[in-house]
Amino acid sequence: MVQDRSRGDLHAGDHVPAAGPELRAALAEAHEHVLLTVIVNGPAPAPVGIVTARQLLVGATAAAQPGYDAVFQDPDGVTAARYGLPNGGRIMVRPDGYVAAFAPLDEDEPLHGYQALLQA
């Protein structure tokens, strides 16, 4: 587990809180790691080059984005607020629904570090 204690109340090792019925259902149905990319403002970043995770995008619109497996609309920013990501960010969610790692939108290293742990 990659620790990052700089998030509000959500930390690596915590169960991911519910944030919208569609996203909740997608996470409950996942049988693999899920990488959530949460954007608050601006365009969606490119997906992270991680082959072991399903990539979901949460943002103000539900417009399809290349490389993401699904896109969820959250115009009020509820997901970002619940997950302690006021500027957006990425959360790796384990198949059991617990947070594995966090990363800012412009830094993939924590996610690659977690992936390396899985492959060790």
N, C-alpha and C. Protein backbone atom coordinates (compact mmCIF):
# COMPACT_ATOMS: atom_id res chain seq x y z
N MET A 1 0.85 -1.18 0.00
CA MET A 1 0.00 0.00 0.00
C MET A 1 0.89 1.24 0.00
N VAL A 2 0.56 2.20 -0.81
CA VAL A 2 1.31 3.45 -0.89
C VAL A 2 0.58 4.48 -0.04
N GLN A 3 1.23 4.95 0.99
CA GLN A 3 0.59 5.88 1.92
C GLN A 3 0.70 7.32 1.44
N ASP A 4 -0.33 8.09 1.64
CA ASP A 4 -0.31 9.53 1.39
C ASP A 4 -1.32 10.14 2.35
N ARG A 5 -0.82 10.76 3.39
CA ARG A 5 -1.69 11.31 4.42
C ARG A 5 -2.05 12.77 4.17
N SER A 6 -1.87 13.28 2.96
CA SER A 6 -2.17 14.69 2.69
C SER A 6 -3.61 14.91 2.25
N ARG A 7 -4.41 13.88 2.09
CA ARG A 7 -5.82 14.01 1.70
C ARG A 7 -6.64 14.31 2.94
N GLY A 8 -7.81 14.92 2.75
CA GLY A 8 -8.70 15.22 3.86
C GLY A 8 -8.85 14.07 4.83
N ASP A 9 -9.96 13.40 4.81
CA ASP A 9 -10.19 12.27 5.70
C ASP A 9 -10.00 10.93 5.01
N LEU A 10 -9.75 10.90 3.71
CA LEU A 10 -9.61 9.66 2.97
C LEU A 10 -8.13 9.34 2.79
N HIS A 11 -7.75 8.14 3.20
CA HIS A 11 -6.35 7.73 3.15
C HIS A 11 -6.22 6.38 2.48
N ALA A 12 -5.01 6.05 2.03
CA ALA A 12 -4.74 4.71 1.53
C ALA A 12 -5.08 3.72 2.63
N GLY A 13 -5.81 2.68 2.27
CA GLY A 13 -6.28 1.69 3.24
C GLY A 13 -7.71 1.90 3.68
N ASP A 14 -8.28 3.07 3.39
CA ASP A 14 -9.69 3.35 3.72
C ASP A 14 -10.60 2.78 2.65
N HIS A 15 -11.83 2.46 3.03
CA HIS A 15 -12.83 2.06 2.06
C HIS A 15 -13.28 3.30 1.28
N VAL A 16 -13.44 3.15 -0.03
CA VAL A 16 -13.84 4.29 -0.86
C VAL A 16 -15.29 4.65 -0.54
N PRO A 17 -15.56 5.91 -0.18
CA PRO A 17 -16.93 6.32 0.11
C PRO A 17 -17.78 6.38 -1.15
N ALA A 18 -19.07 6.24 -0.98
CA ALA A 18 -20.01 6.33 -2.10
C ALA A 18 -20.04 7.75 -2.63
N ALA A 19 -20.14 7.86 -3.94
CA ALA A 19 -20.23 9.19 -4.57
C ALA A 19 -21.02 9.04 -5.86
N GLY A 20 -22.33 9.03 -5.77
CA GLY A 20 -23.18 8.90 -6.95
C GLY A 20 -23.51 7.45 -7.25
N PRO A 21 -24.75 7.17 -7.60
CA PRO A 21 -25.18 5.77 -7.80
C PRO A 21 -24.48 5.06 -8.95
N GLU A 22 -24.21 5.76 -10.05
CA GLU A 22 -23.56 5.10 -11.19
C GLU A 22 -22.12 4.74 -10.86
N LEU A 23 -21.39 5.66 -10.26
CA LEU A 23 -20.01 5.38 -9.88
C LEU A 23 -19.96 4.29 -8.82
N ARG A 24 -20.84 4.35 -7.85
CA ARG A 24 -20.90 3.32 -6.80
C ARG A 24 -21.12 1.95 -7.43
N ALA A 25 -22.03 1.86 -8.40
CA ALA A 25 -22.31 0.58 -9.06
C ALA A 25 -21.08 0.10 -9.84
N ALA A 26 -20.41 1.01 -10.54
CA ALA A 26 -19.23 0.63 -11.32
C ALA A 26 -18.13 0.09 -10.41
N LEU A 27 -17.94 0.71 -9.27
CA LEU A 27 -16.92 0.23 -8.34
C LEU A 27 -17.31 -1.10 -7.71
N ALA A 28 -18.60 -1.27 -7.39
CA ALA A 28 -19.06 -2.52 -6.79
C ALA A 28 -18.95 -3.69 -7.76
N GLU A 29 -19.13 -3.42 -9.04
CA GLU A 29 -19.08 -4.48 -10.05
C GLU A 29 -17.67 -4.80 -10.52
N ALA A 30 -16.70 -3.99 -10.16
CA ALA A 30 -15.33 -4.19 -10.62
C ALA A 30 -14.71 -5.40 -9.93
N HIS A 31 -14.06 -6.21 -10.71
CA HIS A 31 -13.35 -7.38 -10.18
C HIS A 31 -11.85 -7.24 -10.41
N GLU A 32 -11.43 -6.00 -10.67
CA GLU A 32 -10.03 -5.69 -10.86
C GLU A 32 -9.77 -4.32 -10.25
N HIS A 33 -8.52 -3.92 -10.25
CA HIS A 33 -8.21 -2.57 -9.77
C HIS A 33 -8.88 -1.54 -10.67
N VAL A 34 -9.28 -0.44 -10.07
CA VAL A 34 -9.89 0.67 -10.81
C VAL A 34 -9.07 1.92 -10.51
N LEU A 35 -8.73 2.63 -11.57
CA LEU A 35 -8.06 3.91 -11.40
C LEU A 35 -9.08 5.01 -11.70
N LEU A 36 -9.46 5.73 -10.65
CA LEU A 36 -10.40 6.85 -10.79
C LEU A 36 -9.61 8.12 -11.05
N THR A 37 -9.94 8.81 -12.12
CA THR A 37 -9.37 10.13 -12.38
C THR A 37 -10.50 11.12 -12.17
N VAL A 38 -10.32 12.00 -11.20
CA VAL A 38 -11.34 12.99 -10.84
C VAL A 38 -10.84 14.36 -11.27
N ILE A 39 -11.60 15.02 -12.16
CA ILE A 39 -11.21 16.36 -12.59
C ILE A 39 -12.23 17.36 -12.06
N VAL A 40 -11.73 18.53 -11.69
CA VAL A 40 -12.59 19.58 -11.16
C VAL A 40 -12.77 20.67 -12.21
N ASN A 41 -11.70 21.10 -12.81
CA ASN A 41 -11.72 22.13 -13.84
C ASN A 41 -10.79 21.71 -14.97
N GLY A 42 -11.08 22.18 -16.15
CA GLY A 42 -10.18 21.94 -17.26
C GLY A 42 -10.42 20.61 -17.95
N PRO A 43 -9.59 20.34 -18.95
CA PRO A 43 -9.76 19.11 -19.74
C PRO A 43 -9.26 17.88 -18.99
N ALA A 44 -9.72 16.75 -19.44
CA ALA A 44 -9.28 15.49 -18.84
C ALA A 44 -7.84 15.20 -19.24
N PRO A 45 -7.03 14.76 -18.29
CA PRO A 45 -5.67 14.37 -18.64
C PRO A 45 -5.69 13.03 -19.38
N ALA A 46 -4.61 12.71 -20.03
CA ALA A 46 -4.50 11.41 -20.69
C ALA A 46 -4.56 10.31 -19.63
N PRO A 47 -5.11 9.17 -20.00
CA PRO A 47 -5.09 8.05 -19.06
C PRO A 47 -3.66 7.65 -18.71
N VAL A 48 -3.51 7.02 -17.56
CA VAL A 48 -2.21 6.56 -17.10
C VAL A 48 -1.90 5.23 -17.77
N GLY A 49 -0.66 5.02 -18.15
CA GLY A 49 -0.27 3.78 -18.81
C GLY A 49 -0.15 2.62 -17.84
N ILE A 50 -1.26 2.22 -17.26
CA ILE A 50 -1.30 1.10 -16.32
C ILE A 50 -2.23 0.05 -16.91
N VAL A 51 -1.71 -1.10 -17.21
CA VAL A 51 -2.54 -2.12 -17.86
C VAL A 51 -3.32 -2.96 -16.87
N THR A 52 -3.01 -2.86 -15.58
CA THR A 52 -3.67 -3.70 -14.59
C THR A 52 -4.89 -3.05 -13.97
N ALA A 53 -5.35 -1.93 -14.50
CA ALA A 53 -6.47 -1.22 -13.89
C ALA A 53 -7.47 -0.77 -14.94
N ARG A 54 -8.74 -0.84 -14.57
CA ARG A 54 -9.80 -0.25 -15.38
C ARG A 54 -9.79 1.24 -15.07
N GLN A 55 -9.84 2.10 -16.09
CA GLN A 55 -9.72 3.53 -15.86
C GLN A 55 -11.06 4.23 -16.04
N LEU A 56 -11.49 4.92 -14.98
CA LEU A 56 -12.75 5.64 -14.96
C LEU A 56 -12.46 7.13 -14.78
N LEU A 57 -13.22 7.95 -15.47
CA LEU A 57 -13.08 9.40 -15.38
C LEU A 57 -14.33 9.99 -14.77
N VAL A 58 -14.14 10.90 -13.82
CA VAL A 58 -15.26 11.61 -13.18
C VAL A 58 -15.01 13.10 -13.39
N GLY A 59 -15.99 13.78 -14.00
CA GLY A 59 -15.83 15.20 -14.26
C GLY A 59 -17.16 15.90 -14.43
N ALA A 60 -17.11 17.15 -14.82
CA ALA A 60 -18.32 17.96 -14.94
C ALA A 60 -19.25 17.47 -16.04
N THR A 61 -18.69 16.84 -17.07
CA THR A 61 -19.52 16.31 -18.15
C THR A 61 -19.25 14.82 -18.32
N ALA A 62 -20.15 14.15 -18.99
CA ALA A 62 -20.01 12.71 -19.24
C ALA A 62 -19.56 12.44 -20.66
N ALA A 63 -18.90 13.41 -21.29
CA ALA A 63 -18.43 13.24 -22.66
C ALA A 63 -17.35 12.16 -22.70
N ALA A 64 -17.47 11.26 -23.66
CA ALA A 64 -16.49 10.18 -23.81
C ALA A 64 -15.09 10.75 -24.01
N GLN A 65 -14.12 10.10 -23.41
CA GLN A 65 -12.72 10.51 -23.52
C GLN A 65 -11.90 9.30 -23.95
N PRO A 66 -11.06 9.44 -24.95
CA PRO A 66 -10.26 8.30 -25.41
C PRO A 66 -9.39 7.73 -24.29
N GLY A 67 -9.36 6.42 -24.19
CA GLY A 67 -8.52 5.74 -23.22
C GLY A 67 -9.17 5.43 -21.89
N TYR A 68 -10.32 6.04 -21.62
CA TYR A 68 -11.03 5.75 -20.38
C TYR A 68 -12.11 4.71 -20.65
N ASP A 69 -12.28 3.77 -19.72
CA ASP A 69 -13.27 2.71 -19.89
C ASP A 69 -14.69 3.22 -19.66
N ALA A 70 -14.85 4.24 -18.85
CA ALA A 70 -16.17 4.84 -18.60
C ALA A 70 -15.97 6.26 -18.08
N VAL A 71 -16.98 7.11 -18.32
CA VAL A 71 -16.94 8.49 -17.86
C VAL A 71 -18.23 8.75 -17.08
N PHE A 72 -18.08 9.40 -15.93
CA PHE A 72 -19.22 9.69 -15.06
C PHE A 72 -19.34 11.19 -14.87
N GLN A 73 -20.55 11.68 -14.98
CA GLN A 73 -20.81 13.12 -14.84
C GLN A 73 -21.02 13.47 -13.38
N ASP A 74 -20.34 14.52 -12.95
CA ASP A 74 -20.44 15.03 -11.58
C ASP A 74 -20.29 16.55 -11.62
N PRO A 75 -21.33 17.25 -12.14
CA PRO A 75 -21.21 18.70 -12.33
C PRO A 75 -21.05 19.50 -11.04
N ASP A 76 -21.47 18.94 -9.93
CA ASP A 76 -21.38 19.66 -8.66
C ASP A 76 -20.10 19.36 -7.88
N GLY A 77 -19.25 18.48 -8.40
CA GLY A 77 -17.99 18.18 -7.74
C GLY A 77 -18.12 17.38 -6.46
N VAL A 78 -19.20 16.61 -6.32
CA VAL A 78 -19.43 15.83 -5.09
C VAL A 78 -18.31 14.81 -4.89
N THR A 79 -17.91 14.14 -5.97
CA THR A 79 -16.87 13.11 -5.84
C THR A 79 -15.56 13.72 -5.37
N ALA A 80 -15.15 14.82 -5.97
CA ALA A 80 -13.90 15.48 -5.57
C ALA A 80 -13.97 15.88 -4.10
N ALA A 81 -15.09 16.41 -3.66
CA ALA A 81 -15.24 16.82 -2.26
C ALA A 81 -15.20 15.61 -1.32
N ARG A 82 -15.92 14.55 -1.65
CA ARG A 82 -15.94 13.36 -0.79
C ARG A 82 -14.59 12.69 -0.69
N TYR A 83 -13.84 12.73 -1.79
CA TYR A 83 -12.55 12.05 -1.82
C TYR A 83 -11.40 12.96 -1.41
N GLY A 84 -11.70 14.21 -1.02
CA GLY A 84 -10.65 15.12 -0.57
C GLY A 84 -9.72 15.55 -1.68
N LEU A 85 -10.28 15.78 -2.88
CA LEU A 85 -9.48 16.17 -4.04
C LEU A 85 -9.96 17.52 -4.58
N PRO A 86 -9.73 18.61 -3.87
CA PRO A 86 -10.25 19.92 -4.32
C PRO A 86 -9.70 20.36 -5.67
N ASN A 87 -8.53 19.84 -6.05
CA ASN A 87 -7.94 20.18 -7.34
C ASN A 87 -7.99 19.00 -8.31
N GLY A 88 -8.75 17.98 -7.97
CA GLY A 88 -8.78 16.77 -8.76
C GLY A 88 -7.62 15.86 -8.38
N GLY A 89 -7.59 14.70 -8.99
CA GLY A 89 -6.51 13.76 -8.71
C GLY A 89 -6.90 12.36 -9.16
N ARG A 90 -6.04 11.42 -8.83
CA ARG A 90 -6.27 10.02 -9.21
C ARG A 90 -6.24 9.16 -7.96
N ILE A 91 -7.13 8.19 -7.93
CA ILE A 91 -7.20 7.24 -6.82
C ILE A 91 -7.20 5.84 -7.40
N MET A 92 -6.26 5.00 -6.95
CA MET A 92 -6.25 3.60 -7.32
C MET A 92 -7.09 2.87 -6.27
N VAL A 93 -8.12 2.16 -6.74
CA VAL A 93 -9.02 1.43 -5.85
C VAL A 93 -8.79 -0.05 -6.05
N ARG A 94 -8.56 -0.76 -4.97
CA ARG A 94 -8.36 -2.20 -5.03
C ARG A 94 -9.68 -2.90 -5.38
N PRO A 95 -9.63 -4.15 -5.80
CA PRO A 95 -10.86 -4.88 -6.13
C PRO A 95 -11.83 -5.02 -4.95
N ASP A 96 -11.31 -4.93 -3.72
CA ASP A 96 -12.18 -5.04 -2.54
C ASP A 96 -12.77 -3.69 -2.12
N GLY A 97 -12.54 -2.63 -2.92
CA GLY A 97 -13.14 -1.34 -2.65
C GLY A 97 -12.35 -0.44 -1.72
N TYR A 98 -11.11 -0.80 -1.43
CA TYR A 98 -10.28 0.02 -0.56
C TYR A 98 -9.27 0.83 -1.38
N VAL A 99 -8.91 2.00 -0.88
CA VAL A 99 -7.96 2.87 -1.56
C VAL A 99 -6.56 2.26 -1.47
N ALA A 100 -5.90 2.17 -2.63
CA ALA A 100 -4.53 1.67 -2.67
C ALA A 100 -3.53 2.80 -2.73
N ALA A 101 -3.81 3.83 -3.55
CA ALA A 101 -2.85 4.92 -3.74
C ALA A 101 -3.55 6.15 -4.28
N PHE A 102 -2.93 7.29 -4.05
CA PHE A 102 -3.37 8.58 -4.58
C PHE A 102 -2.27 9.15 -5.47
N ALA A 103 -2.66 9.99 -6.42
CA ALA A 103 -1.68 10.73 -7.21
C ALA A 103 -2.33 12.01 -7.71
N PRO A 104 -1.56 13.10 -7.77
CA PRO A 104 -2.08 14.31 -8.41
C PRO A 104 -2.24 14.04 -9.91
N LEU A 105 -3.00 14.88 -10.57
CA LEU A 105 -3.26 14.68 -12.00
C LEU A 105 -2.00 14.73 -12.85
N ASP A 106 -1.00 15.45 -12.40
CA ASP A 106 0.21 15.60 -13.21
C ASP A 106 1.37 14.72 -12.77
N GLU A 107 1.09 13.71 -11.92
CA GLU A 107 2.16 12.84 -11.43
C GLU A 107 1.67 11.40 -11.36
N ASP A 108 2.28 10.53 -12.14
CA ASP A 108 1.86 9.13 -12.19
C ASP A 108 2.72 8.20 -11.33
N GLU A 109 3.84 8.70 -10.81
CA GLU A 109 4.79 7.84 -10.10
C GLU A 109 4.16 7.05 -8.94
N PRO A 110 3.31 7.63 -8.08
CA PRO A 110 2.73 6.81 -7.02
C PRO A 110 1.93 5.62 -7.56
N LEU A 111 1.29 5.81 -8.71
CA LEU A 111 0.50 4.73 -9.31
C LEU A 111 1.40 3.65 -9.89
N HIS A 112 2.48 4.08 -10.53
CA HIS A 112 3.43 3.10 -11.05
C HIS A 112 4.14 2.36 -9.92
N GLY A 113 4.39 3.06 -8.82
CA GLY A 113 4.97 2.42 -7.63
C GLY A 113 4.05 1.34 -7.09
N TYR A 114 2.78 1.63 -7.02
CA TYR A 114 1.82 0.64 -6.54
C TYR A 114 1.77 -0.55 -7.50
N GLN A 115 1.75 -0.29 -8.80
CA GLN A 115 1.73 -1.35 -9.79
C GLN A 115 2.96 -2.25 -9.65
N ALA A 116 4.11 -1.63 -9.40
CA ALA A 116 5.33 -2.42 -9.21
C ALA A 116 5.21 -3.34 -8.00
N LEU A 117 4.56 -2.87 -6.92
CA LEU A 117 4.34 -3.71 -5.75
C LEU A 117 3.48 -4.92 -6.10
N LEU A 118 2.49 -4.72 -6.95
CA LEU A 118 1.61 -5.82 -7.35
C LEU A 118 2.36 -6.88 -8.15
N GLN A 119 3.33 -6.45 -8.91
CA GLN A 119 4.05 -7.36 -9.80
C GLN A 119 5.26 -7.99 -9.12
N ALA A 120 5.59 -7.55 -7.91
CA ALA A 120 6.77 -8.09 -7.21
C ALA A 120 6.51 -9.48 -6.65
